[in-house]
Amino acid sequence: MEGRALPAKFDGHANCYIETGYGKGALIDFNYVTEPLPGTFPLPGIGPFGLLKNTKMNHYGKILFRWIYWHILVKGKELPIEADMTMAGKQRV
């Protein structure tokens, strides 16, 4: 990728929007060592997406992510976010 060195690690971080029906969805955020936790994403305490919550906003996030996937990620463009998972906004249960 343009002659840049690749990072030597990957923590398995993934976000997954889950369509739950009736115009609502859920969002999970996890990695190899941390199971999905409740909280807010991407801004701690603000969201606008609720982790492990069934909300209309998460449904809209899924729709937005579909556009980001096809128009940014598939084309190899970078997003201004860190690849490693952060615990900011997550509530330990």
PDB file of N, CA and C in Angstrom:
ATOM      1  N   MET A   1       0.847  -1.175   0.000  1.00  0.00           N
ATOM      2  CA  MET A   1       0.000   0.000   0.000  1.00  0.00           C
ATOM      3  C   MET A   1       0.888   1.233   0.000  1.00  0.00           C
ATOM      4  N   GLU A   2       1.206   1.687  -1.161  1.00  0.00           N
ATOM      5  CA  GLU A   2       2.003   2.893  -1.357  1.00  0.00           C
ATOM      6  C   GLU A   2       3.340   2.831  -0.638  1.00  0.00           C
ATOM      7  N   GLY A   3       3.925   1.635  -0.516  1.00  0.00           N
ATOM      8  CA  GLY A   3       5.236   1.482   0.086  1.00  0.00           C
ATOM      9  C   GLY A   3       5.287   1.604   1.596  1.00  0.00           C
ATOM     10  N   ARG A   4       4.142   1.702   2.253  1.00  0.00           N
ATOM     11  CA  ARG A   4       4.124   1.827   3.711  1.00  0.00           C
ATOM     12  C   ARG A   4       4.242   0.454   4.364  1.00  0.00           C
ATOM     13  N   ALA A   5       4.889   0.426   5.521  1.00  0.00           N
ATOM     14  CA  ALA A   5       5.003  -0.815   6.275  1.00  0.00           C
ATOM     15  C   ALA A   5       3.643  -1.184   6.865  1.00  0.00           C
ATOM     16  N   LEU A   6       3.350  -2.475   6.869  1.00  0.00           N
ATOM     17  CA  LEU A   6       2.097  -2.934   7.456  1.00  0.00           C
ATOM     18  C   LEU A   6       2.243  -3.067   8.966  1.00  0.00           C
ATOM     19  N   PRO A   7       1.160  -2.800   9.713  1.00  0.00           N
ATOM     20  CA  PRO A   7       1.262  -2.983  11.166  1.00  0.00           C
ATOM     21  C   PRO A   7       1.516  -4.455  11.493  1.00  0.00           C
ATOM     22  N   ALA A   8       2.259  -4.692  12.568  1.00  0.00           N
ATOM     23  CA  ALA A   8       2.648  -6.053  12.913  1.00  0.00           C
ATOM     24  C   ALA A   8       1.596  -6.783  13.724  1.00  0.00           C
ATOM     25  N   LYS A   9       0.454  -6.123  14.029  1.00  0.00           N
ATOM     26  CA  LYS A   9      -0.531  -6.788  14.864  1.00  0.00           C
ATOM     27  C   LYS A   9      -1.947  -6.469  14.394  1.00  0.00           C
ATOM     28  N   PHE A  10      -2.856  -7.317  14.807  1.00  0.00           N
ATOM     29  CA  PHE A  10      -4.280  -7.123  14.560  1.00  0.00           C
ATOM     30  C   PHE A  10      -5.009  -7.721  15.742  1.00  0.00           C
ATOM     31  N   ASP A  11      -5.861  -6.920  16.407  1.00  0.00           N
ATOM     32  CA  ASP A  11      -6.526  -7.408  17.620  1.00  0.00           C
ATOM     33  C   ASP A  11      -7.878  -8.063  17.353  1.00  0.00           C
ATOM     34  N   GLY A  12      -8.239  -8.224  16.069  1.00  0.00           N
ATOM     35  CA  GLY A  12      -9.501  -8.871  15.733  1.00  0.00           C
ATOM     36  C   GLY A  12     -10.704  -7.955  15.874  1.00  0.00           C
ATOM     37  N   HIS A  13     -10.476  -6.650  15.975  1.00  0.00           N
ATOM     38  CA  HIS A  13     -11.567  -5.698  16.189  1.00  0.00           C
ATOM     39  C   HIS A  13     -12.576  -5.736  15.047  1.00  0.00           C
ATOM     40  N   ALA A  14     -13.854  -5.803  15.416  1.00  0.00           N
ATOM     41  CA  ALA A  14     -14.928  -5.802  14.429  1.00  0.00           C
ATOM     42  C   ALA A  14     -16.152  -5.096  15.000  1.00  0.00           C
ATOM     43  N   ASN A  15     -16.867  -4.423  14.122  1.00  0.00           N
ATOM     44  CA  ASN A  15     -18.178  -3.852  14.428  1.00  0.00           C
ATOM     45  C   ASN A  15     -19.164  -4.592  13.549  1.00  0.00           C
ATOM     46  N   CYS A  16     -20.338  -4.854  14.075  1.00  0.00           N
ATOM     47  CA  CYS A  16     -21.333  -5.553  13.282  1.00  0.00           C
ATOM     48  C   CYS A  16     -22.716  -4.988  13.570  1.00  0.00           C
ATOM     49  N   TYR A  17     -23.327  -4.414  12.532  1.00  0.00           N
ATOM     50  CA  TYR A  17     -24.723  -3.987  12.635  1.00  0.00           C
ATOM     51  C   TYR A  17     -25.597  -5.192  12.332  1.00  0.00           C
ATOM     52  N   ILE A  18     -26.620  -5.387  13.142  1.00  0.00           N
ATOM     53  CA  ILE A  18     -27.525  -6.517  12.974  1.00  0.00           C
ATOM     54  C   ILE A  18     -28.934  -5.970  12.788  1.00  0.00           C
ATOM     55  N   GLU A  19     -29.512  -6.229  11.637  1.00  0.00           N
ATOM     56  CA  GLU A  19     -30.884  -5.781  11.373  1.00  0.00           C
ATOM     57  C   GLU A  19     -31.837  -6.647  12.187  1.00  0.00           C
ATOM     58  N   THR A  20     -32.664  -6.010  13.028  1.00  0.00           N
ATOM     59  CA  THR A  20     -33.571  -6.763  13.883  1.00  0.00           C
ATOM     60  C   THR A  20     -35.026  -6.669  13.444  1.00  0.00           C
ATOM     61  N   GLY A  21     -35.305  -5.839  12.450  1.00  0.00           N
ATOM     62  CA  GLY A  21     -36.650  -5.736  11.915  1.00  0.00           C
ATOM     63  C   GLY A  21     -37.410  -4.520  12.406  1.00  0.00           C
ATOM     64  N   TYR A  22     -38.482  -4.196  11.720  1.00  0.00           N
ATOM     65  CA  TYR A  22     -39.347  -3.063  12.052  1.00  0.00           C
ATOM     66  C   TYR A  22     -38.569  -1.750  12.131  1.00  0.00           C
ATOM     67  N   GLY A  23     -37.579  -1.588  11.227  1.00  0.00           N
ATOM     68  CA  GLY A  23     -36.815  -0.348  11.167  1.00  0.00           C
ATOM     69  C   GLY A  23     -35.858  -0.150  12.320  1.00  0.00           C
ATOM     70  N   LYS A  24     -35.461  -1.228  12.974  1.00  0.00           N
ATOM     71  CA  LYS A  24     -34.512  -1.137  14.082  1.00  0.00           C
ATOM     72  C   LYS A  24     -33.335  -2.084  13.846  1.00  0.00           C
ATOM     73  N   GLY A  25     -32.263  -1.822  14.585  1.00  0.00           N
ATOM     74  CA  GLY A  25     -31.095  -2.671  14.477  1.00  0.00           C
ATOM     75  C   GLY A  25     -30.293  -2.637  15.766  1.00  0.00           C
ATOM     76  N   ALA A  26     -29.328  -3.535  15.856  1.00  0.00           N
ATOM     77  CA  ALA A  26     -28.431  -3.601  17.003  1.00  0.00           C
ATOM     78  C   ALA A  26     -27.000  -3.445  16.493  1.00  0.00           C
ATOM     79  N   LEU A  27     -26.103  -3.062  17.372  1.00  0.00           N
ATOM     80  CA  LEU A  27     -24.695  -2.913  17.023  1.00  0.00           C
ATOM     81  C   LEU A  27     -23.850  -3.609  18.074  1.00  0.00           C
ATOM     82  N   ILE A  28     -22.887  -4.407  17.611  1.00  0.00           N
ATOM     83  CA  ILE A  28     -21.932  -5.018  18.520  1.00  0.00           C
ATOM     84  C   ILE A  28     -20.526  -4.587  18.111  1.00  0.00           C
ATOM     85  N   ASP A  29     -19.653  -4.457  19.084  1.00  0.00           N
ATOM     86  CA  ASP A  29     -18.267  -4.042  18.887  1.00  0.00           C
ATOM     87  C   ASP A  29     -17.424  -4.961  19.769  1.00  0.00           C
ATOM     88  N   PHE A  30     -16.491  -5.699  19.175  1.00  0.00           N
ATOM     89  CA  PHE A  30     -15.745  -6.707  19.923  1.00  0.00           C
ATOM     90  C   PHE A  30     -14.399  -6.956  19.271  1.00  0.00           C
ATOM     91  N   ASN A  31     -13.550  -7.727  19.965  1.00  0.00           N
ATOM     92  CA  ASN A  31     -12.296  -8.189  19.378  1.00  0.00           C
ATOM     93  C   ASN A  31     -11.989  -9.587  19.911  1.00  0.00           C
ATOM     94  N   TYR A  32     -10.766 -10.052  19.695  1.00  0.00           N
ATOM     95  CA  TYR A  32     -10.414 -11.419  20.089  1.00  0.00           C
ATOM     96  C   TYR A  32     -10.540 -11.671  21.587  1.00  0.00           C
ATOM     97  N   VAL A  33     -10.324 -10.641  22.413  1.00  0.00           N
ATOM     98  CA  VAL A  33     -10.312 -10.853  23.858  1.00  0.00           C
ATOM     99  C   VAL A  33     -11.477 -10.206  24.601  1.00  0.00           C
ATOM    100  N   THR A  34     -12.224  -9.329  23.965  1.00  0.00           N
ATOM    101  CA  THR A  34     -13.319  -8.625  24.630  1.00  0.00           C
ATOM    102  C   THR A  34     -14.636  -8.955  23.952  1.00  0.00           C
ATOM    103  N   GLU A  35     -15.547  -9.548  24.705  1.00  0.00           N
ATOM    104  CA  GLU A  35     -16.866  -9.879  24.164  1.00  0.00           C
ATOM    105  C   GLU A  35     -17.673  -8.589  23.981  1.00  0.00           C
ATOM    106  N   PRO A  36     -18.742  -8.607  23.196  1.00  0.00           N
ATOM    107  CA  PRO A  36     -19.579  -7.417  23.041  1.00  0.00           C
ATOM    108  C   PRO A  36     -20.102  -6.919  24.393  1.00  0.00           C
ATOM    109  N   LEU A  37     -19.979  -5.617  24.611  1.00  0.00           N
ATOM    110  CA  LEU A  37     -20.412  -4.988  25.861  1.00  0.00           C
ATOM    111  C   LEU A  37     -21.420  -3.884  25.558  1.00  0.00           C
ATOM    112  N   PRO A  38     -22.300  -3.561  26.505  1.00  0.00           N
ATOM    113  CA  PRO A  38     -23.204  -2.426  26.307  1.00  0.00           C
ATOM    114  C   PRO A  38     -22.437  -1.111  26.396  1.00  0.00           C
ATOM    115  N   GLY A  39     -23.036  -0.065  25.852  1.00  0.00           N
ATOM    116  CA  GLY A  39     -22.409   1.254  25.907  1.00  0.00           C
ATOM    117  C   GLY A  39     -22.834   2.088  24.719  1.00  0.00           C
ATOM    118  N   THR A  40     -21.985   3.039  24.340  1.00  0.00           N
ATOM    119  CA  THR A  40     -22.264   3.903  23.189  1.00  0.00           C
ATOM    120  C   THR A  40     -21.068   3.908  22.249  1.00  0.00           C
ATOM    121  N   PHE A  41     -21.332   4.172  20.968  1.00  0.00           N
ATOM    122  CA  PHE A  41     -20.296   4.151  19.936  1.00  0.00           C
ATOM    123  C   PHE A  41     -20.619   5.230  18.913  1.00  0.00           C
ATOM    124  N   PRO A  42     -19.708   5.952  18.353  1.00  0.00           N
ATOM    125  CA  PRO A  42     -18.281   5.942  18.623  1.00  0.00           C
ATOM    126  C   PRO A  42     -17.860   6.908  19.735  1.00  0.00           C
ATOM    127  N   LEU A  43     -18.756   7.778  20.175  1.00  0.00           N
ATOM    128  CA  LEU A  43     -18.406   8.756  21.204  1.00  0.00           C
ATOM    129  C   LEU A  43     -18.906   8.308  22.573  1.00  0.00           C
ATOM    130  N   PRO A  44     -18.003   8.181  23.553  1.00  0.00           N
ATOM    131  CA  PRO A  44     -18.412   7.733  24.885  1.00  0.00           C
ATOM    132  C   PRO A  44     -19.512   8.610  25.488  1.00  0.00           C
ATOM    133  N   GLY A  45     -20.592   7.970  25.937  1.00  0.00           N
ATOM    134  CA  GLY A  45     -21.688   8.681  26.579  1.00  0.00           C
ATOM    135  C   GLY A  45     -22.619   9.428  25.647  1.00  0.00           C
ATOM    136  N   ILE A  46     -22.222   9.596  24.395  1.00  0.00           N
ATOM    137  CA  ILE A  46     -23.027  10.357  23.430  1.00  0.00           C
ATOM    138  C   ILE A  46     -23.559   9.464  22.326  1.00  0.00           C
ATOM    139  N   GLY A  47     -22.712   8.599  21.829  1.00  0.00           N
ATOM    140  CA  GLY A  47     -23.115   7.690  20.752  1.00  0.00           C
ATOM    141  C   GLY A  47     -22.789   8.249  19.388  1.00  0.00           C
ATOM    142  N   PRO A  48     -23.696   8.291  18.499  1.00  0.00           N
ATOM    143  CA  PRO A  48     -25.145   8.176  18.644  1.00  0.00           C
ATOM    144  C   PRO A  48     -25.664   6.738  18.611  1.00  0.00           C
ATOM    145  N   PHE A  49     -24.753   5.759  18.480  1.00  0.00           N
ATOM    146  CA  PHE A  49     -25.188   4.371  18.364  1.00  0.00           C
ATOM    147  C   PHE A  49     -25.086   3.667  19.711  1.00  0.00           C
ATOM    148  N   GLY A  50     -26.116   2.907  20.064  1.00  0.00           N
ATOM    149  CA  GLY A  50     -26.126   2.156  21.318  1.00  0.00           C
ATOM    150  C   GLY A  50     -25.641   0.742  21.100  1.00  0.00           C
ATOM    151  N   LEU A  51     -24.621   0.352  21.847  1.00  0.00           N
ATOM    152  CA  LEU A  51     -24.101  -1.013  21.745  1.00  0.00           C
ATOM    153  C   LEU A  51     -25.046  -1.978  22.457  1.00  0.00           C
ATOM    154  N   LEU A  52     -25.357  -3.066  21.815  1.00  0.00           N
ATOM    155  CA  LEU A  52     -26.265  -4.100  22.316  1.00  0.00           C
ATOM    156  C   LEU A  52     -27.667  -3.560  22.578  1.00  0.00           C
ATOM    157  N   LYS A  53     -28.061  -2.527  21.848  1.00  0.00           N
ATOM    158  CA  LYS A  53     -29.407  -1.965  21.988  1.00  0.00           C
ATOM    159  C   LYS A  53     -30.129  -2.079  20.656  1.00  0.00           C
ATOM    160  N   ASN A  54     -31.426  -2.283  20.719  1.00  0.00           N
ATOM    161  CA  ASN A  54     -32.270  -2.392  19.541  1.00  0.00           C
ATOM    162  C   ASN A  54     -32.906  -1.021  19.292  1.00  0.00           C
ATOM    163  N   THR A  55     -32.322  -0.235  18.352  1.00  0.00           N
ATOM    164  CA  THR A  55     -32.778   1.139  18.145  1.00  0.00           C
ATOM    165  C   THR A  55     -32.915   1.484  16.664  1.00  0.00           C
ATOM    166  N   LYS A  56     -33.695   2.523  16.392  1.00  0.00           N
ATOM    167  CA  LYS A  56     -33.807   3.040  15.031  1.00  0.00           C
ATOM    168  C   LYS A  56     -32.481   3.630  14.560  1.00  0.00           C
ATOM    169  N   MET A  57     -31.743   4.305  15.483  1.00  0.00           N
ATOM    170  CA  MET A  57     -30.461   4.908  15.113  1.00  0.00           C
ATOM    171  C   MET A  57     -29.476   3.843  14.632  1.00  0.00           C
ATOM    172  N   ASN A  58     -29.472   2.681  15.266  1.00  0.00           N
ATOM    173  CA  ASN A  58     -28.593   1.604  14.805  1.00  0.00           C
ATOM    174  C   ASN A  58     -28.998   1.121  13.414  1.00  0.00           C
ATOM    175  N   HIS A  59     -30.285   1.127  13.114  1.00  0.00           N
ATOM    176  CA  HIS A  59     -30.749   0.773  11.765  1.00  0.00           C
ATOM    177  C   HIS A  59     -30.198   1.782  10.754  1.00  0.00           C
ATOM    178  N   TYR A  60     -30.263   3.070  11.091  1.00  0.00           N
ATOM    179  CA  TYR A  60     -29.740   4.106  10.188  1.00  0.00           C
ATOM    180  C   TYR A  60     -28.220   3.980  10.059  1.00  0.00           C
ATOM    181  N   GLY A  61     -27.553   3.588  11.148  1.00  0.00           N
ATOM    182  CA  GLY A  61     -26.111   3.356  11.090  1.00  0.00           C
ATOM    183  C   GLY A  61     -25.762   2.242  10.120  1.00  0.00           C
ATOM    184  N   LYS A  62     -26.570   1.193  10.105  1.00  0.00           N
ATOM    185  CA  LYS A  62     -26.348   0.086   9.178  1.00  0.00           C
ATOM    186  C   LYS A  62     -26.477   0.562   7.731  1.00  0.00           C
ATOM    187  N   ILE A  63     -27.473   1.391   7.481  1.00  0.00           N
ATOM    188  CA  ILE A  63     -27.664   1.933   6.128  1.00  0.00           C
ATOM    189  C   ILE A  63     -26.478   2.814   5.734  1.00  0.00           C
ATOM    190  N   LEU A  64     -26.017   3.657   6.661  1.00  0.00           N
ATOM    191  CA  LEU A  64     -24.855   4.504   6.402  1.00  0.00           C
ATOM    192  C   LEU A  64     -23.614   3.654   6.170  1.00  0.00           C
ATOM    193  N   PHE A  65     -23.434   2.610   6.981  1.00  0.00           N
ATOM    194  CA  PHE A  65     -22.257   1.773   6.819  1.00  0.00           C
ATOM    195  C   PHE A  65     -22.248   1.071   5.465  1.00  0.00           C
ATOM    196  N   ARG A  66     -23.402   0.681   4.966  1.00  0.00           N
ATOM    197  CA  ARG A  66     -23.464   0.047   3.644  1.00  0.00           C
ATOM    198  C   ARG A  66     -22.874   0.974   2.589  1.00  0.00           C
ATOM    199  N   TRP A  67     -23.194   2.276   2.657  1.00  0.00           N
ATOM    200  CA  TRP A  67     -22.642   3.256   1.715  1.00  0.00           C
ATOM    201  C   TRP A  67     -21.130   3.385   1.922  1.00  0.00           C
ATOM    202  N   ILE A  68     -20.697   3.493   3.179  1.00  0.00           N
ATOM    203  CA  ILE A  68     -19.259   3.605   3.476  1.00  0.00           C
ATOM    204  C   ILE A  68     -18.515   2.382   2.945  1.00  0.00           C
ATOM    205  N   TYR A  69     -19.090   1.200   3.122  1.00  0.00           N
ATOM    206  CA  TYR A  69     -18.446  -0.027   2.656  1.00  0.00           C
ATOM    207  C   TYR A  69     -18.209   0.029   1.147  1.00  0.00           C
ATOM    208  N   TRP A  70     -19.234   0.291   0.359  1.00  0.00           N
ATOM    209  CA  TRP A  70     -19.118   0.246  -1.092  1.00  0.00           C
ATOM    210  C   TRP A  70     -18.372   1.422  -1.695  1.00  0.00           C
ATOM    211  N   HIS A  71     -18.417   2.587  -1.073  1.00  0.00           N
ATOM    212  CA  HIS A  71     -17.810   3.777  -1.663  1.00  0.00           C
ATOM    213  C   HIS A  71     -16.466   4.164  -1.065  1.00  0.00           C
ATOM    214  N   ILE A  72     -16.107   3.593   0.072  1.00  0.00           N
ATOM    215  CA  ILE A  72     -14.834   3.939   0.699  1.00  0.00           C
ATOM    216  C   ILE A  72     -13.974   2.693   0.927  1.00  0.00           C
ATOM    217  N   LEU A  73     -14.471   1.737   1.697  1.00  0.00           N
ATOM    218  CA  LEU A  73     -13.654   0.578   2.066  1.00  0.00           C
ATOM    219  C   LEU A  73     -13.284  -0.299   0.878  1.00  0.00           C
ATOM    220  N   VAL A  74     -14.234  -0.624   0.022  1.00  0.00           N
ATOM    221  CA  VAL A  74     -13.953  -1.491  -1.126  1.00  0.00           C
ATOM    222  C   VAL A  74     -12.946  -0.836  -2.070  1.00  0.00           C
ATOM    223  N   LYS A  75     -12.948   0.487  -2.116  1.00  0.00           N
ATOM    224  CA  LYS A  75     -12.020   1.209  -2.993  1.00  0.00           C
ATOM    225  C   LYS A  75     -10.641   1.393  -2.352  1.00  0.00           C
ATOM    226  N   GLY A  76     -10.473   0.892  -1.113  1.00  0.00           N
ATOM    227  CA  GLY A  76      -9.172   0.959  -0.464  1.00  0.00           C
ATOM    228  C   GLY A  76      -8.859   2.288   0.187  1.00  0.00           C
ATOM    229  N   LYS A  77      -9.844   3.150   0.326  1.00  0.00           N
ATOM    230  CA  LYS A  77      -9.622   4.436   0.988  1.00  0.00           C
ATOM    231  C   LYS A  77      -9.618   4.223   2.499  1.00  0.00           C
ATOM    232  N   GLU A  78      -8.913   5.088   3.201  1.00  0.00           N
ATOM    233  CA  GLU A  78      -8.804   4.946   4.646  1.00  0.00           C
ATOM    234  C   GLU A  78      -9.852   5.777   5.366  1.00  0.00           C
ATOM    235  N   LEU A  79     -10.301   5.267   6.495  1.00  0.00           N
ATOM    236  CA  LEU A  79     -11.199   6.009   7.375  1.00  0.00           C
ATOM    237  C   LEU A  79     -10.368   6.620   8.501  1.00  0.00           C
ATOM    238  N   PRO A  80     -10.784   7.767   9.028  1.00  0.00           N
ATOM    239  CA  PRO A  80     -10.003   8.406  10.092  1.00  0.00           C
ATOM    240  C   PRO A  80     -10.278   7.799  11.472  1.00  0.00           C
ATOM    241  N   ILE A  81     -10.172   6.483  11.572  1.00  0.00           N
ATOM    242  CA  ILE A  81     -10.406   5.796  12.844  1.00  0.00           C
ATOM    243  C   ILE A  81      -9.277   4.806  13.084  1.00  0.00           C
ATOM    244  N   GLU A  82      -9.065   4.482  14.338  1.00  0.00           N
ATOM    245  CA  GLU A  82      -8.041   3.503  14.700  1.00  0.00           C
ATOM    246  C   GLU A  82      -8.559   2.089  14.447  1.00  0.00           C
ATOM    247  N   ALA A  83      -7.674   1.196  14.065  1.00  0.00           N
ATOM    248  CA  ALA A  83      -8.067  -0.193  13.825  1.00  0.00           C
ATOM    249  C   ALA A  83      -8.249  -0.952  15.134  1.00  0.00           C
ATOM    250  N   ASP A  84      -7.449  -0.613  16.154  1.00  0.00           N
ATOM    251  CA  ASP A  84      -7.552  -1.305  17.436  1.00  0.00           C
ATOM    252  C   ASP A  84      -8.806  -0.871  18.185  1.00  0.00           C
ATOM    253  N   MET A  85      -9.423  -1.805  18.875  1.00  0.00           N
ATOM    254  CA  MET A  85     -10.632  -1.512  19.635  1.00  0.00           C
ATOM    255  C   MET A  85     -10.298  -0.687  20.871  1.00  0.00           C
ATOM    256  N   THR A  86     -11.159   0.268  21.166  1.00  0.00           N
ATOM    257  CA  THR A  86     -11.024   1.064  22.373  1.00  0.00           C
ATOM    258  C   THR A  86     -12.151   0.668  23.339  1.00  0.00           C
ATOM    259  N   MET A  87     -11.901   0.823  24.617  1.00  0.00           N
ATOM    260  CA  MET A  87     -12.929   0.546  25.625  1.00  0.00           C
ATOM    261  C   MET A  87     -13.738   1.794  25.949  1.00  0.00           C
ATOM    262  N   ALA A  88     -13.408   2.916  25.331  1.00  0.00           N
ATOM    263  CA  ALA A  88     -14.146   4.162  25.571  1.00  0.00           C
ATOM    264  C   ALA A  88     -15.609   3.969  25.196  1.00  0.00           C
ATOM    265  N   GLY A  89     -16.503   4.346  26.090  1.00  0.00           N
ATOM    266  CA  GLY A  89     -17.935   4.233  25.846  1.00  0.00           C
ATOM    267  C   GLY A  89     -18.540   2.894  26.208  1.00  0.00           C
ATOM    268  N   LYS A  90     -17.711   1.918  26.548  1.00  0.00           N
ATOM    269  CA  LYS A  90     -18.220   0.582  26.878  1.00  0.00           C
ATOM    270  C   LYS A  90     -18.399   0.459  28.394  1.00  0.00           C
ATOM    271  N   GLN A  91     -19.453  -0.247  28.782  1.00  0.00           N
ATOM    272  CA  GLN A  91     -19.739  -0.473  30.200  1.00  0.00           C
ATOM    273  C   GLN A  91     -19.371  -1.914  30.549  1.00  0.00           C
ATOM    274  N   ARG A  92     -18.443  -2.049  31.465  1.00  0.00           N
ATOM    275  CA  ARG A  92     -18.086  -3.414  31.912  1.00  0.00           C
ATOM    276  C   ARG A  92     -19.225  -3.933  32.794  1.00  0.00           C
ATOM    277  N   VAL A  93     -19.677  -5.143  32.496  1.00  0.00           N
ATOM    278  CA  VAL A  93     -20.791  -5.720  33.260  1.00  0.00           C
ATOM    279  C   VAL A  93     -20.309  -6.800  34.198  1.00  0.00           C
TER     280      VAL A  93
END
